[in-house]
């Protein structure tokens, strides 16, 4: 977590709060039958997030 804080310019508690917020968004999407994905600049699928 220290590396993530350093690279992002955040504190470790902020990294943890952001991680929990992202997990909550992903879980809500899953419960609605939706997926979470990373898209490139042209909205093409780069990666789909599984395992939530």
C-alpha atoms as a PDB file:
ATOM      1  CA  UNK A   1       0.000   0.000   0.000  1.00  0.00           C
ATOM      2  CA  UNK A   2       2.929   2.336   0.635  1.00  0.00           C
ATOM      3  CA  UNK A   3       3.989   2.036  -3.014  1.00  0.00           C
ATOM      4  CA  UNK A   4       0.486   2.897  -4.226  1.00  0.00           C
ATOM      5  CA  UNK A   5       0.396   5.930  -1.938  1.00  0.00           C
ATOM      6  CA  UNK A   6       3.797   7.101  -3.145  1.00  0.00           C
ATOM      7  CA  UNK A   7       3.035   6.658  -6.846  1.00  0.00           C
ATOM      8  CA  UNK A   8      -0.382   8.316  -6.584  1.00  0.00           C
ATOM      9  CA  UNK A   9       0.716  11.147  -4.320  1.00  0.00           C
ATOM     10  CA  UNK A  10      -1.818  10.082  -1.682  1.00  0.00           C
ATOM     11  CA  UNK A  11      -1.609   8.881   1.873  1.00  0.00           C
ATOM     12  CA  UNK A  12      -2.013   5.219   2.778  1.00  0.00           C
ATOM     13  CA  UNK A  13      -5.400   5.864   4.460  1.00  0.00           C
ATOM     14  CA  UNK A  14      -6.583   7.652   1.290  1.00  0.00           C
ATOM     15  CA  UNK A  15      -5.489   4.694  -0.844  1.00  0.00           C
ATOM     16  CA  UNK A  16      -7.462   2.364   1.409  1.00  0.00           C
ATOM     17  CA  UNK A  17     -10.570   4.571   1.287  1.00  0.00           C
ATOM     18  CA  UNK A  18     -10.377   4.775  -2.505  1.00  0.00           C
ATOM     19  CA  UNK A  19      -9.949   0.995  -2.745  1.00  0.00           C
ATOM     20  CA  UNK A  20     -13.038   0.415  -0.611  1.00  0.00           C
ATOM     21  CA  UNK A  21     -15.030   2.941  -2.681  1.00  0.00           C
ATOM     22  CA  UNK A  22     -13.983   1.225  -5.909  1.00  0.00           C
ATOM     23  CA  UNK A  23     -14.924  -2.171  -4.460  1.00  0.00           C
ATOM     24  CA  UNK A  24     -18.344  -0.833  -3.488  1.00  0.00           C
ATOM     25  CA  UNK A  25     -18.926   0.457  -7.033  1.00  0.00           C
ATOM     26  CA  UNK A  26     -17.842  -2.884  -8.508  1.00  0.00           C
ATOM     27  CA  UNK A  27     -20.050  -4.844  -6.104  1.00  0.00           C
ATOM     28  CA  UNK A  28     -23.091  -2.673  -6.854  1.00  0.00           C
ATOM     29  CA  UNK A  29     -22.503  -3.200 -10.582  1.00  0.00           C
ATOM     30  CA  UNK A  30     -22.272  -6.967 -10.090  1.00  0.00           C
ATOM     31  CA  UNK A  31     -25.516  -7.024  -8.114  1.00  0.00           C
ATOM     32  CA  UNK A  32     -27.195  -5.231 -11.041  1.00  0.00           C
ATOM     33  CA  UNK A  33     -25.801  -7.748 -13.544  1.00  0.00           C
ATOM     34  CA  UNK A  34     -23.288  -5.231 -14.879  1.00  0.00           C
ATOM     35  CA  UNK A  35     -19.551  -5.515 -15.475  1.00  0.00           C
ATOM     36  CA  UNK A  36     -16.616  -3.284 -14.601  1.00  0.00           C
ATOM     37  CA  UNK A  37     -14.036  -2.740 -17.323  1.00  0.00           C
ATOM     38  CA  UNK A  38     -11.109  -0.581 -18.388  1.00  0.00           C
ATOM     39  CA  UNK A  39     -11.507   1.121 -21.757  1.00  0.00           C
ATOM     40  CA  UNK A  40      -8.947   2.905 -23.895  1.00  0.00           C
ATOM     41  CA  UNK A  41      -9.331   6.411 -25.330  1.00  0.00           C
ATOM     42  CA  UNK A  42     -11.540   5.096 -28.139  1.00  0.00           C
ATOM     43  CA  UNK A  43     -13.787   3.192 -25.737  1.00  0.00           C
ATOM     44  CA  UNK A  44     -12.345  -0.197 -26.735  1.00  0.00           C
ATOM     45  CA  UNK A  45     -12.209  -2.856 -24.047  1.00  0.00           C
ATOM     46  CA  UNK A  46      -8.729  -3.211 -22.577  1.00  0.00           C
ATOM     47  CA  UNK A  47      -9.536  -5.339 -19.542  1.00  0.00           C
ATOM     48  CA  UNK A  48     -12.588  -6.640 -17.717  1.00  0.00           C
ATOM     49  CA  UNK A  49     -12.527  -6.815 -13.919  1.00  0.00           C
ATOM     50  CA  UNK A  50     -13.548 -10.273 -12.654  1.00  0.00           C
ATOM     51  CA  UNK A  51     -13.668 -11.846  -9.238  1.00  0.00           C
ATOM     52  CA  UNK A  52     -15.813  -9.307  -7.409  1.00  0.00           C
END
